[in-house]
C-alpha atoms as a PDB file:
ATOM      1  CA  MET A   1      53.394  76.450  12.322  1.00  0.00           C
ATOM      2  CA  ASN A   2      52.969  74.694   9.144  1.00  0.00           C
ATOM      3  CA  LEU A   3      55.413  72.784   7.224  1.00  0.00           C
ATOM      4  CA  VAL A   4      55.434  73.967   4.034  1.00  0.00           C
ATOM      5  CA  ASP A   5      57.413  71.425   1.082  1.00  0.00           C
ATOM      6  CA  LYS A   6      60.376  73.784  -0.502  1.00  0.00           C
ATOM      7  CA  ASP A   7      59.166  72.880  -4.039  1.00  0.00           C
ATOM      8  CA  ALA A   8      55.870  73.303  -3.587  1.00  0.00           C
ATOM      9  CA  ALA A   9      56.245  76.664  -2.127  1.00  0.00           C
ATOM     10  CA  ASP A  10      58.869  77.670  -5.076  1.00  0.00           C
ATOM     11  CA  THR A  11      56.136  76.792  -7.300  1.00  0.00           C
ATOM     12  CA  ASN A  12      53.012  79.024  -6.372  1.00  0.00           C
ATOM     13  CA  PRO A  13      52.105  82.189  -7.441  1.00  0.00           C
ATOM     14  CA  SER A  14      53.774  85.307  -5.968  1.00  0.00           C
ATOM     15  CA  ASN A  15      50.607  86.938  -6.256  1.00  0.00           C
ATOM     16  CA  GLU A  16      48.587  84.681  -4.171  1.00  0.00           C
ATOM     17  CA  THR A  17      46.570  85.168  -1.037  1.00  0.00           C
ATOM     18  CA  VAL A  18      47.707  83.198   2.165  1.00  0.00           C
ATOM     19  CA  PHE A  19      46.186  82.952   5.665  1.00  0.00           C
ATOM     20  CA  LEU A  20      46.819  83.582   8.899  1.00  0.00           C
ATOM     21  CA  TYR A  21      45.595  82.629  12.126  1.00  0.00           C
ATOM     22  CA  SER A  22      45.649  85.428  14.400  1.00  0.00           C
ATOM     23  CA  ILE A  23      47.660  88.307  16.027  1.00  0.00           C
ATOM     24  CA  GLU A  24      47.521  89.158  19.464  1.00  0.00           C
ATOM     25  CA  ILE A  25      49.800  89.998  22.153  1.00  0.00           C
ATOM     26  CA  SER A  26      48.470  87.577  25.177  1.00  0.00           C
ATOM     27  CA  LYS A  27      49.619  86.003  28.351  1.00  0.00           C
ATOM     28  CA  ASN A  28      47.362  83.596  28.550  1.00  0.00           C
ATOM     29  CA  LYS A  29      49.378  80.410  29.527  1.00  0.00           C
ATOM     30  CA  ASP A  30      46.890  78.109  27.338  1.00  0.00           C
ATOM     31  CA  GLU A  31      48.067  79.160  24.439  1.00  0.00           C
ATOM     32  CA  ALA A  32      50.698  77.121  22.691  1.00  0.00           C
ATOM     33  CA  VAL A  33      53.296  79.573  22.099  1.00  0.00           C
ATOM     34  CA  ILE A  34      57.230  78.287  22.101  1.00  0.00           C
ATOM     35  CA  PRO A  35      60.814  79.946  21.817  1.00  0.00           C
ATOM     36  CA  LEU A  36      62.513  79.154  18.859  1.00  0.00           C
ATOM     37  CA  THR A  37      65.665  80.449  17.370  1.00  0.00           C
ATOM     38  CA  ILE A  38      65.960  81.265  14.012  1.00  0.00           C
ATOM     39  CA  ASN A  39      69.255  81.030  11.997  1.00  0.00           C
ATOM     40  CA  ASN A  40      70.894  80.407  15.064  1.00  0.00           C
ATOM     41  CA  GLN A  41      71.264  83.963  15.806  1.00  0.00           C
ATOM     42  CA  PHE A  42      67.687  84.695  17.970  1.00  0.00           C
ATOM     43  CA  PRO A  43      65.051  83.241  19.954  1.00  0.00           C
ATOM     44  CA  VAL A  44      61.371  84.149  18.447  1.00  0.00           C
ATOM     45  CA  GLN A  45      58.434  83.621  20.429  1.00  0.00           C
ATOM     46  CA  PHE A  46      55.970  81.787  17.913  1.00  0.00           C
ATOM     47  CA  LYS A  47      52.311  81.187  18.169  1.00  0.00           C
ATOM     48  CA  LEU A  48      51.672  77.301  17.056  1.00  0.00           C
ATOM     49  CA  ASP A  49      48.885  77.199  14.590  1.00  0.00           C
ATOM     50  CA  THR A  50      48.186  74.154  12.641  1.00  0.00           C
ATOM     51  CA  GLY A  51      45.773  76.346  10.015  1.00  0.00           C
ATOM     52  CA  ALA A  52      48.153  79.111   9.270  1.00  0.00           C
ATOM     53  CA  GLN A  53      49.986  78.712   5.787  1.00  0.00           C
ATOM     54  CA  VAL A  54      52.292  81.419   7.141  1.00  0.00           C
ATOM     55  CA  ASN A  55      53.984  82.828  10.437  1.00  0.00           C
ATOM     56  CA  ILE A  56      55.341  86.406  11.203  1.00  0.00           C
ATOM     57  CA  ILE A  57      57.709  87.640  13.448  1.00  0.00           C
ATOM     58  CA  PRO A  58      58.622  91.224  15.219  1.00  0.00           C
ATOM     59  CA  LYS A  59      60.019  93.610  12.829  1.00  0.00           C
ATOM     60  CA  LYS A  60      62.997  94.472  14.708  1.00  0.00           C
ATOM     61  CA  TYR A  61      64.416  90.583  13.935  1.00  0.00           C
ATOM     62  CA  PHE A  62      62.482  91.094  10.250  1.00  0.00           C
ATOM     63  CA  ASP A  63      64.555  93.485   9.395  1.00  0.00           C
ATOM     64  CA  LEU A  64      67.761  91.847  10.609  1.00  0.00           C
ATOM     65  CA  ILE A  65      67.277  88.965   8.068  1.00  0.00           C
ATOM     66  CA  THR A  66      67.257  90.920   4.596  1.00  0.00           C
ATOM     67  CA  PRO A  67      63.814  90.330   3.612  1.00  0.00           C
ATOM     68  CA  LYS A  68      62.731  90.421   0.148  1.00  0.00           C
ATOM     69  CA  PRO A  69      59.834  92.033  -1.543  1.00  0.00           C
ATOM     70  CA  THR A  70      56.597  90.403  -2.107  1.00  0.00           C
ATOM     71  CA  SER A  71      53.198  90.828  -3.766  1.00  0.00           C
ATOM     72  CA  LYS A  72      51.391  88.341  -1.974  1.00  0.00           C
ATOM     73  CA  ARG A  73      48.759  88.984   0.336  1.00  0.00           C
ATOM     74  CA  LEU A  74      47.979  88.049   3.703  1.00  0.00           C
ATOM     75  CA  THR A  75      44.593  87.744   4.903  1.00  0.00           C
ATOM     76  CA  SER A  76      43.252  86.855   8.505  1.00  0.00           C
ATOM     77  CA  TYR A  77      41.085  84.483  10.077  1.00  0.00           C
ATOM     78  CA  CYS A  78      37.864  87.440   9.913  1.00  0.00           C
ATOM     79  CA  GLY A  79      38.858  88.097   6.507  1.00  0.00           C
ATOM     80  CA  ALA A  80      41.001  91.405   6.674  1.00  0.00           C
ATOM     81  CA  ARG A  81      43.927  92.578   4.819  1.00  0.00           C
ATOM     82  CA  ILE A  82      47.113  92.611   6.942  1.00  0.00           C
ATOM     83  CA  PRO A  83      50.341  94.573   5.547  1.00  0.00           C
ATOM     84  CA  VAL A  84      52.997  92.579   4.319  1.00  0.00           C
ATOM     85  CA  THR A  85      56.486  94.242   4.233  1.00  0.00           C
ATOM     86  CA  GLY A  86      58.576  91.505   3.045  1.00  0.00           C
ATOM     87  CA  VAL A  87      59.370  87.843   3.002  1.00  0.00           C
ATOM     88  CA  CYS A  88      62.237  85.081   3.997  1.00  0.00           C
ATOM     89  CA  ARG A  89      62.676  81.688   4.405  1.00  0.00           C
ATOM     90  CA  LEU A  90      63.719  80.666   7.938  1.00  0.00           C
ATOM     91  CA  SER A  91      65.899  77.637   9.164  1.00  0.00           C
ATOM     92  CA  CYS A  92      64.479  75.855  11.943  1.00  0.00           C
ATOM     93  CA  SER A  93      64.057  72.747  13.264  1.00  0.00           C
ATOM     94  CA  LEU A  94      62.084  71.296  16.331  1.00  0.00           C
ATOM     95  CA  ASN A  95      59.815  67.675  17.022  1.00  0.00           C
ATOM     96  CA  LEU A  96      56.980  69.631  18.989  1.00  0.00           C
ATOM     97  CA  ASP A  97      54.824  66.132  19.220  1.00  0.00           C
ATOM     98  CA  LEU A  98      51.832  68.483  20.488  1.00  0.00           C
ATOM     99  CA  ILE A  99      49.388  67.318  18.037  1.00  0.00           C
ATOM    100  CA  LYS A 100      47.511  64.341  18.746  1.00  0.00           C
ATOM    101  CA  LEU A 101      44.204  62.754  17.272  1.00  0.00           C
ATOM    102  CA  VAL A 102      41.638  61.838  19.508  1.00  0.00           C
ATOM    103  CA  LEU A 103      39.215  59.065  18.454  1.00  0.00           C
ATOM    104  CA  ASN A 104      37.008  58.858  21.538  1.00  0.00           C
ATOM    105  CA  ILE A 105      35.789  60.798  23.945  1.00  0.00           C
ATOM    106  CA  ASP A 106      34.710  59.751  27.451  1.00  0.00           C
ATOM    107  CA  VAL A 107      30.949  60.050  28.136  1.00  0.00           C
ATOM    108  CA  ALA A 108      29.141  60.444  31.438  1.00  0.00           C
ATOM    109  CA  THR A 109      25.286  58.992  30.700  1.00  0.00           C
ATOM    110  CA  SER A 110      25.262  57.708  34.553  1.00  0.00           C
ATOM    111  CA  GLN A 111      23.267  60.691  35.122  1.00  0.00           C
ATOM    112  CA  VAL A 112      20.957  60.911  32.077  1.00  0.00           C
ATOM    113  CA  PRO A 113      17.969  58.904  33.908  1.00  0.00           C
ATOM    114  CA  HIS A 114      18.543  61.069  36.597  1.00  0.00           C
ATOM    115  CA  LEU A 115      18.455  64.213  35.014  1.00  0.00           C
ATOM    116  CA  LYS A 116      15.296  63.017  32.591  1.00  0.00           C
ATOM    117  CA  GLU A 117      12.997  62.089  36.072  1.00  0.00           C
ATOM    118  CA  LYS A 118      14.146  65.482  37.433  1.00  0.00           C
ATOM    119  CA  TYR A 119      13.163  67.633  35.324  1.00  0.00           C
ATOM    120  CA  LYS A 120      11.013  65.823  33.187  1.00  0.00           C
ATOM    121  CA  GLU A 121       8.545  69.001  31.842  1.00  0.00           C
ATOM    122  CA  VAL A 122      11.685  69.444  29.552  1.00  0.00           C
ATOM    123  CA  PHE A 123      11.443  66.152  27.809  1.00  0.00           C
ATOM    124  CA  ARG A 124       7.861  65.532  27.489  1.00  0.00           C
ATOM    125  CA  GLU A 125       6.974  67.447  24.619  1.00  0.00           C
ATOM    126  CA  ILE A 126       7.874  69.177  21.911  1.00  0.00           C
ATOM    127  CA  GLY A 127       8.784  72.923  23.045  1.00  0.00           C
ATOM    128  CA  LYS A 128       7.618  76.416  21.442  1.00  0.00           C
ATOM    129  CA  LEU A 129      10.306  79.374  20.607  1.00  0.00           C
ATOM    130  CA  ASP A 130       8.620  82.318  21.170  1.00  0.00           C
ATOM    131  CA  GLY A 131       8.409  84.660  18.345  1.00  0.00           C
ATOM    132  CA  GLU A 132       6.270  84.317  15.106  1.00  0.00           C
ATOM    133  CA  CYS A 133       7.485  83.245  11.935  1.00  0.00           C
ATOM    134  CA  ASN A 134       5.540  83.855   8.524  1.00  0.00           C
ATOM    135  CA  ILE A 135       6.575  82.310   5.387  1.00  0.00           C
ATOM    136  CA  HIS A 136       7.091  85.045   2.646  1.00  0.00           C
ATOM    137  CA  LEU A 137       6.668  84.340  -1.229  1.00  0.00           C
ATOM    138  CA  LYS A 138       8.418  86.046  -3.970  1.00  0.00           C
ATOM    139  CA  ASP A 139       5.886  87.951  -6.210  1.00  0.00           C
ATOM    140  CA  ASN A 140       6.201  85.812  -9.472  1.00  0.00           C
ATOM    141  CA  ALA A 141       5.546  82.459  -6.930  1.00  0.00           C
ATOM    142  CA  THR A 142       3.179  79.425  -8.512  1.00  0.00           C
ATOM    143  CA  PRO A 143       0.971  77.669  -6.738  1.00  0.00           C
ATOM    144  CA  THR A 144       1.409  73.708  -7.509  1.00  0.00           C
ATOM    145  CA  LEU A 145      -0.494  70.783  -6.111  1.00  0.00           C
ATOM    146  CA  TYR A 146       0.433  66.994  -5.878  1.00  0.00           C
ATOM    147  CA  PRO A 147      -1.293  64.402  -5.171  1.00  0.00           C
ATOM    148  CA  ALA A 148      -0.783  61.699  -2.693  1.00  0.00           C
ATOM    149  CA  ARG A 149       2.059  59.437  -3.250  1.00  0.00           C
ATOM    150  CA  GLN A 150       2.096  55.454  -2.751  1.00  0.00           C
ATOM    151  CA  ILE A 151       2.975  54.023   0.244  1.00  0.00           C
ATOM    152  CA  PRO A 152       3.839  50.499   0.416  1.00  0.00           C
ATOM    153  CA  ALA A 153       1.543  48.361   1.933  1.00  0.00           C
ATOM    154  CA  THR A 154       3.754  47.193   4.785  1.00  0.00           C
ATOM    155  CA  MET A 155       4.597  51.086   5.344  1.00  0.00           C
ATOM    156  CA  GLN A 156       0.566  52.169   6.109  1.00  0.00           C
ATOM    157  CA  ASP A 157      -0.309  51.764   9.466  1.00  0.00           C
ATOM    158  CA  LYS A 158       3.486  53.361  10.664  1.00  0.00           C
ATOM    159  CA  LEU A 159       1.848  56.399   8.636  1.00  0.00           C
ATOM    160  CA  LYS A 160      -1.293  56.709  10.090  1.00  0.00           C
ATOM    161  CA  THR A 161      -0.253  55.856  13.360  1.00  0.00           C
ATOM    162  CA  GLU A 162       2.452  58.974  12.823  1.00  0.00           C
ATOM    163  CA  LEU A 163      -0.188  61.050  11.198  1.00  0.00           C
ATOM    164  CA  SER A 164      -2.431  60.217  14.638  1.00  0.00           C
ATOM    165  CA  CYS A 165       0.811  60.823  16.812  1.00  0.00           C
ATOM    166  CA  LEU A 166       1.637  64.860  15.107  1.00  0.00           C
ATOM    167  CA  GLU A 167      -1.968  65.537  15.184  1.00  0.00           C
ATOM    168  CA  SER A 168      -2.058  65.222  19.311  1.00  0.00           C
ATOM    169  CA  LEU A 169       1.085  67.038  19.368  1.00  0.00           C
ATOM    170  CA  GLY A 170      -0.697  70.145  17.686  1.00  0.00           C
ATOM    171  CA  ILE A 171       2.471  69.846  14.908  1.00  0.00           C
ATOM    172  CA  ILE A 172      -0.240  69.565  12.400  1.00  0.00           C
ATOM    173  CA  GLU A 173      -3.560  68.927  11.552  1.00  0.00           C
ATOM    174  CA  LYS A 174      -6.473  68.030   8.725  1.00  0.00           C
ATOM    175  CA  VAL A 175      -7.124  69.793   5.747  1.00  0.00           C
ATOM    176  CA  VAL A 176     -10.852  70.887   5.058  1.00  0.00           C
ATOM    177  CA  THR A 177     -10.435  73.841   2.900  1.00  0.00           C
ATOM    178  CA  LEU A 178      -8.896  74.203  -0.840  1.00  0.00           C
ATOM    179  CA  THR A 179      -5.793  75.194  -0.681  1.00  0.00           C
ATOM    180  CA  LYS A 180      -3.510  77.214  -3.174  1.00  0.00           C
ATOM    181  CA  TRP A 181      -0.071  74.833  -2.681  1.00  0.00           C
ATOM    182  CA  VAL A 182      -0.420  71.443  -1.566  1.00  0.00           C
ATOM    183  CA  ASN A 183       3.493  69.399  -1.499  1.00  0.00           C
ATOM    184  CA  SER A 184       4.533  66.179  -1.677  1.00  0.00           C
ATOM    185  CA  MET A 185       4.657  63.974   1.512  1.00  0.00           C
ATOM    186  CA  VAL A 186       8.234  62.154   2.423  1.00  0.00           C
ATOM    187  CA  MET A 187       8.539  59.482   4.640  1.00  0.00           C
ATOM    188  CA  VAL A 188      11.870  58.613   6.508  1.00  0.00           C
ATOM    189  CA  GLU A 189      12.331  55.575   8.144  1.00  0.00           C
ATOM    190  CA  ARG A 190      14.839  55.833  11.559  1.00  0.00           C
ATOM    191  CA  LYS A 191      16.871  52.855  12.639  1.00  0.00           C
ATOM    192  CA  ASP A 192      14.647  52.096  15.472  1.00  0.00           C
ATOM    193  CA  GLY A 193      11.860  51.303  12.692  1.00  0.00           C
ATOM    194  CA  SER A 194       9.668  54.549  13.348  1.00  0.00           C
ATOM    195  CA  ILE A 195       9.159  56.916  10.853  1.00  0.00           C
ATOM    196  CA  ARG A 196       9.735  60.962  10.570  1.00  0.00           C
ATOM    197  CA  LEU A 197       6.966  63.188   8.236  1.00  0.00           C
ATOM    198  CA  CYS A 198       9.059  65.417   6.380  1.00  0.00           C
ATOM    199  CA  ILE A 199       7.384  67.164   3.276  1.00  0.00           C
ATOM    200  CA  ASP A 200       8.962  67.800  -0.430  1.00  0.00           C
ATOM    201  CA  PRO A 201       8.679  71.040  -1.231  1.00  0.00           C
ATOM    202  CA  VAL A 202      10.373  71.556  -4.488  1.00  0.00           C
ATOM    203  CA  ASP A 203       8.468  74.056  -6.164  1.00  0.00           C
ATOM    204  CA  LEU A 204       7.794  76.056  -2.600  1.00  0.00           C
ATOM    205  CA  ASN A 205      10.728  76.539  -1.930  1.00  0.00           C
ATOM    206  CA  LYS A 206      11.808  77.929  -5.017  1.00  0.00           C
ATOM    207  CA  SER A 207       9.626  80.169  -4.716  1.00  0.00           C
ATOM    208  CA  ILE A 208      10.143  81.555  -0.653  1.00  0.00           C
ATOM    209  CA  LYS A 209      12.436  84.462   0.120  1.00  0.00           C
ATOM    210  CA  ARG A 210      15.238  83.611   2.498  1.00  0.00           C
ATOM    211  CA  PRO A 211      15.833  85.826   5.635  1.00  0.00           C
ATOM    212  CA  HIS A 212      19.605  84.201   4.966  1.00  0.00           C
ATOM    213  CA  TYR A 213      19.913  84.707   9.065  1.00  0.00           C
ATOM    214  CA  PRO A 214      23.890  84.121   9.685  1.00  0.00           C
ATOM    215  CA  ILE A 215      24.449  80.714  10.398  1.00  0.00           C
ATOM    216  CA  PRO A 216      27.539  80.029  12.655  1.00  0.00           C
ATOM    217  CA  THR A 217      30.215  77.958  11.080  1.00  0.00           C
ATOM    218  CA  LEU A 218      32.585  74.834  12.668  1.00  0.00           C
ATOM    219  CA  ASP A 219      35.681  77.008  12.436  1.00  0.00           C
ATOM    220  CA  GLY A 220      33.979  79.733  14.767  1.00  0.00           C
ATOM    221  CA  VAL A 221      32.467  77.169  17.040  1.00  0.00           C
ATOM    222  CA  THR A 222      35.886  75.467  16.895  1.00  0.00           C
ATOM    223  CA  LEU A 223      37.734  78.691  18.288  1.00  0.00           C
ATOM    224  CA  LYS A 224      35.028  79.352  21.260  1.00  0.00           C
ATOM    225  CA  LEU A 225      36.130  75.616  22.653  1.00  0.00           C
ATOM    226  CA  HIS A 226      39.574  77.127  23.207  1.00  0.00           C
ATOM    227  CA  GLY A 227      40.942  75.123  27.233  1.00  0.00           C
ATOM    228  CA  ALA A 228      37.387  73.759  27.441  1.00  0.00           C
ATOM    229  CA  LYS A 229      37.564  70.447  29.041  1.00  0.00           C
ATOM    230  CA  VAL A 230      34.221  69.314  29.954  1.00  0.00           C
ATOM    231  CA  PHE A 231      31.531  68.980  26.714  1.00  0.00           C
ATOM    232  CA  THR A 232      27.833  68.653  26.841  1.00  0.00           C
ATOM    233  CA  LYS A 233      25.743  67.279  23.608  1.00  0.00           C
ATOM    234  CA  LEU A 234      22.023  68.579  24.071  1.00  0.00           C
ATOM    235  CA  ASP A 235      20.035  67.559  21.289  1.00  0.00           C
ATOM    236  CA  ALA A 236      16.527  70.302  20.384  1.00  0.00           C
ATOM    237  CA  GLN A 237      14.433  66.978  19.231  1.00  0.00           C
ATOM    238  CA  SER A 238      12.908  68.013  15.980  1.00  0.00           C
ATOM    239  CA  GLY A 239      14.158  71.708  16.840  1.00  0.00           C
ATOM    240  CA  TYR A 240      12.399  72.706  14.298  1.00  0.00           C
ATOM    241  CA  TRP A 241       9.124  71.877  15.207  1.00  0.00           C
ATOM    242  CA  SER A 242       9.325  74.346  17.900  1.00  0.00           C
ATOM    243  CA  ILE A 243       8.826  77.080  15.452  1.00  0.00           C
ATOM    244  CA  LEU A 244       4.860  78.401  15.402  1.00  0.00           C
ATOM    245  CA  LEU A 245       4.170  79.450  11.721  1.00  0.00           C
ATOM    246  CA  TYR A 246       1.323  82.378  11.717  1.00  0.00           C
ATOM    247  CA  ASP A 247      -1.136  84.108   8.901  1.00  0.00           C
ATOM    248  CA  ASP A 248      -1.185  81.810   6.093  1.00  0.00           C
ATOM    249  CA  SER A 249       1.841  79.998   6.586  1.00  0.00           C
ATOM    250  CA  PRO A 250       0.862  76.976   7.677  1.00  0.00           C
ATOM    251  CA  TYR A 251      -1.304  76.446   4.687  1.00  0.00           C
ATOM    252  CA  LEU A 252       1.918  76.526   2.206  1.00  0.00           C
ATOM    253  CA  MET A 253       3.313  73.517   4.389  1.00  0.00           C
ATOM    254  CA  THR A 254       0.236  71.454   3.297  1.00  0.00           C
ATOM    255  CA  PHE A 255       0.841  67.945   2.038  1.00  0.00           C
ATOM    256  CA  SER A 256      -1.290  65.011   0.725  1.00  0.00           C
ATOM    257  CA  THR A 257      -1.002  61.554   1.853  1.00  0.00           C
ATOM    258  CA  ILE A 258      -3.991  58.658   1.503  1.00  0.00           C
ATOM    259  CA  TYR A 259      -5.214  59.649   4.524  1.00  0.00           C
ATOM    260  CA  GLY A 260      -6.694  62.984   3.141  1.00  0.00           C
ATOM    261  CA  ARG A 261      -4.687  66.477   3.507  1.00  0.00           C
ATOM    262  CA  TYR A 262      -2.576  67.749   6.345  1.00  0.00           C
ATOM    263  CA  HIS A 263      -0.841  71.125   6.799  1.00  0.00           C
ATOM    264  CA  PHE A 264       1.880  71.923   9.426  1.00  0.00           C
ATOM    265  CA  LYS A 265       0.756  74.270  11.725  1.00  0.00           C
ATOM    266  CA  GLN A 266       5.171  74.478  13.156  1.00  0.00           C
ATOM    267  CA  MET A 267       8.152  74.433  10.469  1.00  0.00           C
ATOM    268  CA  PRO A 268       8.377  71.383   8.946  1.00  0.00           C
ATOM    269  CA  PHE A 269      12.209  69.524   7.761  1.00  0.00           C
ATOM    270  CA  GLY A 270      12.447  70.194   4.084  1.00  0.00           C
ATOM    271  CA  ILE A 271      11.742  74.514   4.173  1.00  0.00           C
ATOM    272  CA  ILE A 272      14.777  76.304   2.707  1.00  0.00           C
ATOM    273  CA  SER A 273      14.250  78.885   4.828  1.00  0.00           C
ATOM    274  CA  ALA A 274      13.863  76.743   8.250  1.00  0.00           C
ATOM    275  CA  GLN A 275      17.779  76.969   8.745  1.00  0.00           C
ATOM    276  CA  ASP A 276      17.331  80.744   9.234  1.00  0.00           C
ATOM    277  CA  GLU A 277      14.599  80.711  10.934  1.00  0.00           C
ATOM    278  CA  PHE A 278      15.303  78.494  13.734  1.00  0.00           C
ATOM    279  CA  GLN A 279      19.128  79.948  13.849  1.00  0.00           C
ATOM    280  CA  GLN A 280      17.203  83.494  14.363  1.00  0.00           C
END
């Protein structure tokens, strides 16, 4: 339930859209449902929801309260419109003390080394997802070529080492032919001093046709965690690199360095459609 300030509630426009989490009949004992006596007359089971802006009650009780007509629109979590019979203000008071802010979670890390050793083939290299990924360009795409950016002398050895490492893993390869697109390179330094190579495809991104695959939202994922007590966090290391590029798509990912041109054979970070392809 939401506590709504009376003055603030009275100033709201009558035709506003308000939010309701869900309407469901369930015998799930894990749900936060409590009885409340409203107007000192009758008990009603209320489902507690800190995200809802309104509450609903059974119509058999609602008709006893003399509701007022309203033009407010009621919307469920999924966006469906719910018919509104009327509104009323009820008097109820209860110290619930049910919501707690959790600042830390106990993490079991003792098994991590053992698991890495037992399943070392999983942690050994960058994996590869099934399927092909082709980058499609708009009809009016205009290729651009960027020269290599200057790198500080203190970072050049790290760059050379990272290029050699990615080449040995099959993530990138040297380009010796002419390409229509050449992107700038970006180096991101990690906390441990190592670097991550990305491309800066500012012009290429403007020309890519995105597949617009739906991405899960935090609210949607949170709903699925209801009742969960044990959580596991898995890091898909360099996840985009597990997407293989086919046909001419790798040559769109060509980037320039002080050591020559390379292109990504697998999806690099920085591409506008990478999150759609990875989720799909």
